[in-house]
Each structure stands twice: as structure tokens, then as C-alpha cells.
């Protein structure tokens, strides 16, 4: 068993960069990239570099062997966009879409492997990445399994978005500026028209403010109660 705080601390963005910079070849194998909203990139399974987010948010969509795009999640600062743990299990295709201004680091696989072998013999960085991906896949499976109603999926998506928002007051969260009806519809696997109806209900009850940016969840506890279902993933 591993301590959650230990994994998160060791695999933090700042510590990963500290590890990478311990070698004099850092600048040869790692480069920084600025991206703007709307920047897209498609990665195939022959790629030789990984991407690490320093700042910004990214929509990451991927497909399996049938080459059909099935799922996506929103990657946040500190996340690896691509970090294959097993060479044979690299997704066939990964589509990236920057949904905010951001900075990415492009890191050579071989260099990263060498530095982690030297500085992270217990594989904390890889393990934390695997934990994050496993959690994201569990969330995606929950949404797509239809064990919850479409309305619950909308509430659940708002809860997911609240984890990357700004907690301005107790129980009150400003959602990221990229959040809109389309974003929530995609996360909820529901139609935009249905999401509009559900969010209007929340506005009428004073739970959500969405008439201007940023959208604000005024009562996060109320959202949690509305979304509640058996085995709901914890946040």
C-alpha cells in the first residue's frame, strides 16, 4: 500500500522537472511549448516523446485497436498527456485539443526512462500516473455504463469540473472559463438541449450561475446530493 500524499508529492510537476534537470543533457531532450486555445495535435503509437502539462487544460481523446474514438477526459496541470507504461499498450491514436492557453513540455522517452531509473527507483511517478489514469477510466466507465440517469450524469459532470475550478468560498466554485453547454454535454454523454434544460433548473433554484463567464456553482453540496448514486467515485 502507498500513501496518497507521498505519491502526489513525489510525482508533482515541480519534482518531475527537478529530476529531469539533474542531467546536463536536459535542454537537448526536453523542450517547452506554448499553446493557445484551439491548438490540436494527433499522436500515433509510434511516437518517441511524451508530453507533460505545466499549465492549461487539454481535452485528450483516444481510441483502441478498432480505431474508433470512444472516450475523452480533461487533462490538467501536472498531468502527462502521453506516458506509456507498457510499450505494447500505447493507444493507436490520441487527439489533443488545448482548451485554454497553456505550456507543455515535450520530453524524449529514452531520456525520461533513464532519469526515472536513476532518480525514481520505486517508480512513484509511473505509479501515480497509472493511478490517475485508472481513476479517469473508472469515471468514464461510470458515465457510459448507464447505471445512472442522464440528469445524474449532468450533475456528476459538474462535480468533476468543480475539482479543477476555483473554490472562492466554502461550498462555492468558479468553473474554468472553457466550460459551456457543449463541454458538459460531452462529459455527460447527453444532448446539448437536455443539458440546457437541467442547467436552467439549477439556475432557477439558485444552485448555478451561468449567465456570464465564469460559471459559478453556488451550492456544491446541493450538486453532490442531486448526483448521488451507489458507488459514486470520490473526489
Protein backbone atom coordinates (compact mmCIF):
# COMPACT_ATOMS: atom_id res chain seq x y z
CA UNK A 1 0.00 0.00 0.00
CA UNK A 2 1.17 3.51 -0.80
CA UNK A 3 0.43 6.78 0.94
CA UNK A 4 -1.59 9.09 -1.33
CA UNK A 5 0.25 12.23 -0.27
CA UNK A 6 3.64 10.61 -0.84
CA UNK A 7 2.78 9.64 -4.40
CA UNK A 8 1.27 13.03 -5.22
CA UNK A 9 4.23 14.90 -3.77
CA UNK A 10 6.90 12.84 -5.49
CA UNK A 11 5.07 12.88 -8.84
CA UNK A 12 4.29 16.60 -8.73
CA UNK A 13 5.23 18.74 -11.74
CA UNK A 14 7.93 20.58 -9.80
CA UNK A 15 9.57 17.36 -8.61
CA UNK A 16 9.45 15.76 -12.07
CA UNK A 17 11.19 18.80 -13.53
CA UNK A 18 13.74 18.69 -10.70
CA UNK A 19 14.52 15.08 -11.62
CA UNK A 20 14.82 15.83 -15.33
CA UNK A 21 17.14 18.81 -14.78
CA UNK A 22 19.67 16.76 -12.83
CA UNK A 23 21.31 15.72 -16.10
CA UNK A 24 23.33 18.15 -18.22
CA UNK A 25 21.52 16.90 -21.35
CA UNK A 26 18.18 18.26 -20.15
CA UNK A 27 17.99 21.01 -22.77
CA UNK A 28 18.81 18.52 -25.52
CA UNK A 29 15.94 16.18 -24.72
CA UNK A 30 13.28 18.44 -23.17
CA UNK A 31 11.66 21.46 -24.75
CA UNK A 32 8.91 23.85 -23.68
CA UNK A 33 5.96 24.72 -25.93
CA UNK A 34 3.36 27.45 -25.60
CA UNK A 35 -0.11 26.57 -26.89
CA UNK A 36 -3.24 28.64 -27.41
CA UNK A 37 -6.90 27.57 -27.24
CA UNK A 38 -7.81 25.52 -30.29
CA UNK A 39 -4.33 24.07 -30.79
CA UNK A 40 -4.69 20.45 -31.93
CA UNK A 41 -2.28 17.57 -32.20
CA UNK A 42 -2.74 13.92 -33.14
CA UNK A 43 -0.30 11.37 -31.73
CA UNK A 44 0.07 7.83 -33.02
CA UNK A 45 1.55 4.80 -31.29
CA UNK A 46 4.96 5.25 -32.92
CA UNK A 47 5.72 8.47 -31.05
CA UNK A 48 9.05 8.79 -29.27
CA UNK A 49 8.23 11.64 -26.89
CA UNK A 50 5.80 12.27 -24.05
CA UNK A 51 4.00 15.49 -23.14
CA UNK A 52 3.74 16.98 -19.65
CA UNK A 53 1.40 19.89 -18.85
CA UNK A 54 2.94 22.80 -16.98
CA UNK A 55 -0.16 24.99 -17.28
CA UNK A 56 -3.51 25.00 -19.06
CA UNK A 57 -6.20 22.43 -19.81
CA UNK A 58 -6.31 19.86 -22.59
CA UNK A 59 -9.04 17.63 -23.98
CA UNK A 60 -7.47 14.22 -24.62
CA UNK A 61 -9.41 11.76 -26.81
CA UNK A 62 -8.13 8.31 -27.62
CA UNK A 63 -9.02 5.13 -29.46
CA UNK A 64 -8.14 1.48 -29.24
CA UNK A 65 -7.35 -1.17 -31.81
CA UNK A 66 -10.59 -0.64 -33.77
CA UNK A 67 -9.50 2.98 -34.39
CA UNK A 68 -12.89 4.29 -33.19
CA UNK A 69 -12.74 7.30 -30.88
CA UNK A 70 -14.68 6.39 -27.80
CA UNK A 71 -13.68 8.42 -24.79
CA UNK A 72 -12.02 11.63 -23.66
CA UNK A 73 -11.03 13.34 -20.47
CA UNK A 74 -9.74 16.76 -19.49
CA UNK A 75 -6.07 16.80 -18.54
CA UNK A 76 -4.89 19.38 -16.01
CA UNK A 77 -1.57 20.97 -14.95
CA UNK A 78 0.89 18.33 -13.78
CA UNK A 79 -0.63 15.57 -15.93
CA UNK A 80 1.29 13.60 -18.51
CA UNK A 81 -0.65 13.70 -21.77
CA UNK A 82 1.28 10.69 -23.01
CA UNK A 83 3.28 8.39 -20.78
CA UNK A 84 3.12 4.74 -21.90
CA UNK A 85 3.81 2.38 -19.02
CA UNK A 86 3.87 -0.70 -21.27
CA UNK A 87 5.19 -0.28 -24.82
CA UNK A 88 2.63 -2.66 -26.34
CA UNK A 89 -0.33 -0.82 -24.78
CA UNK A 90 0.05 2.61 -26.35
CA UNK A 91 -3.33 3.86 -27.71
CA UNK A 92 -3.49 3.67 -31.51
CA UNK A 93 -4.35 7.35 -31.75
CA UNK A 94 -4.59 10.20 -29.26
CA UNK A 95 -6.16 13.53 -30.25
CA UNK A 96 -5.23 16.56 -28.15
CA UNK A 97 -7.14 19.84 -28.09
CA UNK A 98 -5.93 22.77 -25.99
CA UNK A 99 -8.99 24.36 -24.39
CA UNK A 100 -7.05 27.17 -22.72
CA UNK A 101 -3.71 28.92 -23.02
CA UNK A 102 -1.02 26.65 -21.73
CA UNK A 103 2.55 25.43 -21.62
CA UNK A 104 3.56 21.85 -22.44
CA UNK A 105 6.89 20.07 -22.07
CA UNK A 106 7.90 17.62 -24.79
CA UNK A 107 10.24 15.01 -23.29
CA UNK A 108 12.19 12.29 -25.07
CA UNK A 109 11.08 8.83 -23.89
CA UNK A 110 14.60 7.48 -23.62
CA UNK A 111 15.77 10.44 -21.55
CA UNK A 112 12.75 10.22 -19.24
CA UNK A 113 13.25 6.47 -18.80
CA UNK A 114 16.92 6.99 -17.92
CA UNK A 115 16.24 9.74 -15.39
CA UNK A 116 13.38 7.89 -13.68
CA UNK A 117 15.51 4.74 -13.42
CA UNK A 118 18.20 6.78 -11.66
CA UNK A 119 16.10 9.10 -9.51
CA UNK A 120 12.83 7.20 -9.01
CA UNK A 121 13.76 3.53 -8.42
CA UNK A 122 10.43 2.90 -6.67
CA UNK A 123 8.52 4.08 -9.75
CA UNK A 124 6.44 6.63 -7.85
CA UNK A 125 6.00 8.81 -10.95
CA UNK A 126 4.76 5.94 -13.12
CA UNK A 127 2.57 4.62 -10.32
CA UNK A 128 0.92 8.00 -9.72
CA UNK A 129 0.29 8.35 -13.46
CA UNK A 130 -1.31 4.89 -13.51
CA UNK A 131 -3.48 5.79 -10.50
CA UNK A 132 -4.69 8.98 -12.24
CA UNK A 133 -5.50 7.17 -15.48
CA UNK A 134 -7.24 4.33 -13.65
CA UNK A 135 -9.42 6.86 -11.83
CA UNK A 136 -10.25 8.71 -15.06
CA UNK A 137 -11.20 5.42 -16.75
CA UNK A 138 -13.39 4.48 -13.79
CA UNK A 139 -15.19 7.81 -14.08
CA UNK A 140 -15.64 7.36 -17.84
CA UNK A 141 -16.94 3.82 -17.37
CA UNK A 142 -19.40 5.08 -14.77
CA UNK A 143 -20.78 7.71 -17.13
CA UNK A 144 -21.04 5.35 -20.10
CA UNK A 145 -22.47 2.38 -18.20
CA UNK A 146 -25.96 3.91 -17.98
CA UNK A 147 -26.24 2.85 -14.35
CA UNK A 148 -27.21 6.46 -13.65
CA UNK A 149 -29.75 8.69 -15.34
CA UNK A 150 -28.90 11.40 -17.87
CA UNK A 151 -29.79 14.03 -15.27
CA UNK A 152 -27.43 12.48 -12.72
CA UNK A 153 -24.69 12.41 -15.36
CA UNK A 154 -25.05 16.19 -15.83
CA UNK A 155 -24.74 16.77 -12.07
CA UNK A 156 -21.82 14.35 -11.90
CA UNK A 157 -20.05 16.23 -14.72
CA UNK A 158 -20.43 19.49 -12.81
CA UNK A 159 -18.82 17.81 -9.82
CA UNK A 160 -15.92 16.66 -12.00
CA UNK A 161 -15.45 20.18 -13.33
CA UNK A 162 -15.55 21.61 -9.82
CA UNK A 163 -12.34 19.73 -9.00
CA UNK A 164 -10.43 21.93 -11.46
CA UNK A 165 -12.31 25.13 -10.64
CA UNK A 166 -11.50 27.87 -8.14
CA UNK A 167 -13.02 27.39 -4.69
CA UNK A 168 -13.74 31.04 -3.95
CA UNK A 169 -15.79 30.36 -0.83
CA UNK A 170 -16.86 27.39 1.23
CA UNK A 171 -19.21 25.38 -0.99
CA UNK A 172 -18.88 27.85 -3.91
CA UNK A 173 -16.78 27.15 -7.02
CA UNK A 174 -15.93 29.19 -10.11
CA UNK A 175 -15.73 26.81 -13.06
CA UNK A 176 -12.91 27.11 -15.63
CA UNK A 177 -13.61 29.60 -18.46
CA UNK A 178 -13.81 26.87 -21.12
CA UNK A 179 -16.91 25.33 -19.52
CA UNK A 180 -20.05 25.69 -21.63
CA UNK A 181 -23.12 23.68 -22.62
CA UNK A 182 -21.17 21.67 -25.19
CA UNK A 183 -18.44 20.75 -22.70
CA UNK A 184 -20.96 19.50 -20.16
CA UNK A 185 -22.95 17.66 -22.84
CA UNK A 186 -19.83 15.82 -23.97
CA UNK A 187 -18.78 14.96 -20.42
CA UNK A 188 -22.31 13.80 -19.59
CA UNK A 189 -22.83 11.84 -22.82
CA UNK A 190 -26.09 13.78 -23.22
CA UNK A 191 -27.53 16.18 -25.79
CA UNK A 192 -26.87 19.91 -25.54
CA UNK A 193 -30.62 20.59 -25.46
CA UNK A 194 -31.08 18.27 -22.49
CA UNK A 195 -28.16 19.86 -20.63
CA UNK A 196 -29.73 23.28 -21.21
CA UNK A 197 -32.94 22.11 -19.51
CA UNK A 198 -31.11 20.65 -16.50
CA UNK A 199 -28.91 23.71 -16.01
CA UNK A 200 -31.93 26.01 -16.19
CA UNK A 201 -33.41 24.07 -13.30
CA UNK A 202 -30.21 24.64 -11.31
CA UNK A 203 -30.25 28.36 -12.10
CA UNK A 204 -33.89 28.66 -11.06
CA UNK A 205 -33.01 27.03 -7.73
CA UNK A 206 -30.02 29.32 -7.17
CA UNK A 207 -27.55 26.43 -7.36
CA UNK A 208 -25.77 27.60 -10.52
CA UNK A 209 -24.98 30.96 -12.12
CA UNK A 210 -24.30 30.57 -15.84
CA UNK A 211 -25.45 33.82 -17.46
CA UNK A 212 -21.86 35.09 -17.78
CA UNK A 213 -18.31 33.78 -17.52
CA UNK A 214 -17.06 32.30 -15.34
CA UNK A 215 -19.93 29.99 -14.47
CA UNK A 216 -20.31 29.57 -10.72
CA UNK A 217 -21.61 26.65 -8.70
CA UNK A 218 -23.25 28.48 -5.80
CA UNK A 219 -24.02 25.34 -3.77
CA UNK A 220 -21.67 22.41 -4.40
CA UNK A 221 -23.28 20.29 -1.67
CA UNK A 222 -26.61 20.54 -3.46
CA UNK A 223 -24.99 19.29 -6.69
CA UNK A 224 -23.48 16.34 -4.80
CA UNK A 225 -26.87 15.39 -3.35
CA UNK A 226 -28.52 15.57 -6.76
CA UNK A 227 -25.80 13.44 -8.35
CA UNK A 228 -25.67 10.83 -5.60
CA UNK A 229 -25.74 7.21 -6.74
CA UNK A 230 -24.29 3.92 -5.43
CA UNK A 231 -20.50 3.61 -5.80
CA UNK A 232 -20.15 7.20 -6.97
CA UNK A 233 -16.42 7.94 -7.42
CA UNK A 234 -14.96 10.06 -4.66
CA UNK A 235 -13.30 13.39 -5.43
